[in-house]
Amino acid sequence: MPTILTAASGVVVVVVLYLVTVNFDLLTGATATAAVVMLAVIYGVAVIGMVMAWVYRSRRPDVYARIGRDDAAALEDPTP
């Protein structure tokens, strides 16, 4: 059952991304050129983030393990 739900949510995400991409100029009110540039930046940042995560996972697993963690309290100096 979890596999089916994961696949279904993946399909929903892909459909939503497609609809947002096709109608981006309507959603933002930007010109066609500006919409293309904004979409390129958005998707480019996402791809760069995925590549960096892959690199960290293979070359720096300690950094990869900390992605998304809230360890700010552990980094604070315990002395007042």
Protein backbone atom coordinates (compact mmCIF):
# COMPACT_ATOMS: atom_id res chain seq x y z
CA MET A 1 0.00 0.00 0.00
CA PRO A 2 2.73 2.59 0.79
CA THR A 3 4.29 1.98 -2.64
CA ILE A 4 0.99 2.72 -4.37
CA LEU A 5 0.49 5.90 -2.36
CA THR A 6 4.06 7.04 -3.08
CA ALA A 7 3.59 6.44 -6.80
CA ALA A 8 0.24 8.25 -6.76
CA SER A 9 1.72 11.27 -5.00
CA GLY A 10 4.60 11.30 -7.49
CA VAL A 11 2.12 11.37 -10.38
CA VAL A 12 0.23 14.22 -8.73
CA VAL A 13 3.45 16.22 -8.26
CA VAL A 14 4.41 15.70 -11.92
CA VAL A 15 0.96 16.80 -13.10
CA VAL A 16 1.04 19.90 -10.90
CA LEU A 17 4.56 20.81 -12.09
CA TYR A 18 3.41 20.41 -15.69
CA LEU A 19 0.35 22.61 -15.17
CA VAL A 20 2.38 25.27 -13.36
CA THR A 21 5.02 25.26 -16.10
CA VAL A 22 2.48 25.52 -18.92
CA ASN A 23 0.52 28.31 -17.20
CA PHE A 24 3.42 30.11 -15.52
CA ASP A 25 2.87 33.35 -17.41
CA LEU A 26 -0.77 33.38 -16.27
CA LEU A 27 0.23 32.67 -12.67
CA THR A 28 2.88 35.39 -12.53
CA GLY A 29 1.54 37.94 -14.98
CA ALA A 30 4.99 38.12 -16.56
CA THR A 31 5.77 38.34 -20.25
CA ALA A 32 6.67 35.15 -22.07
CA THR A 33 10.41 35.91 -21.97
CA ALA A 34 10.39 36.77 -18.28
CA ALA A 35 8.37 33.64 -17.51
CA VAL A 36 10.89 31.47 -19.36
CA VAL A 37 13.78 33.09 -17.49
CA MET A 38 12.07 32.65 -14.12
CA LEU A 39 11.24 29.02 -14.86
CA ALA A 40 14.82 28.38 -15.95
CA VAL A 41 16.10 29.83 -12.69
CA ILE A 42 13.63 27.83 -10.60
CA TYR A 43 14.31 24.53 -12.33
CA GLY A 44 18.04 25.29 -12.48
CA VAL A 45 18.25 25.82 -8.74
CA ALA A 46 16.35 22.57 -8.17
CA VAL A 47 18.72 20.64 -10.45
CA ILE A 48 21.79 22.20 -8.82
CA GLY A 49 20.43 21.24 -5.40
CA MET A 50 19.89 17.64 -6.49
CA VAL A 51 23.39 17.45 -7.97
CA MET A 52 24.92 18.91 -4.81
CA ALA A 53 23.01 16.40 -2.67
CA TRP A 54 24.29 13.56 -4.86
CA VAL A 55 27.87 14.84 -4.58
CA TYR A 56 27.58 15.26 -0.81
CA ARG A 57 26.09 11.79 -0.47
CA SER A 58 28.98 10.17 -2.29
CA ARG A 59 31.91 12.37 -1.19
CA ARG A 60 30.88 13.93 2.12
CA PRO A 61 28.38 11.68 3.88
CA ASP A 62 28.73 13.66 7.14
CA VAL A 63 27.46 16.79 5.39
CA TYR A 64 24.74 14.83 3.60
CA ALA A 65 23.55 13.38 6.91
CA ARG A 66 23.08 16.91 8.30
CA ILE A 67 20.95 18.18 5.40
CA GLY A 68 17.58 19.21 6.77
CA ARG A 69 18.56 18.68 10.40
CA ASP A 70 18.05 21.29 13.08
CA ASP A 71 21.31 21.04 15.00
CA ALA A 72 21.57 24.72 15.87
CA ALA A 73 21.33 23.94 19.60
CA ALA A 74 24.27 21.55 19.32
CA LEU A 75 26.39 24.26 17.69
CA GLU A 76 25.77 26.88 20.39
CA ASP A 77 28.39 27.54 23.01
CA PRO A 78 27.20 26.03 26.32
CA THR A 79 29.02 28.64 28.42
CA PRO A 80 27.02 31.77 29.25
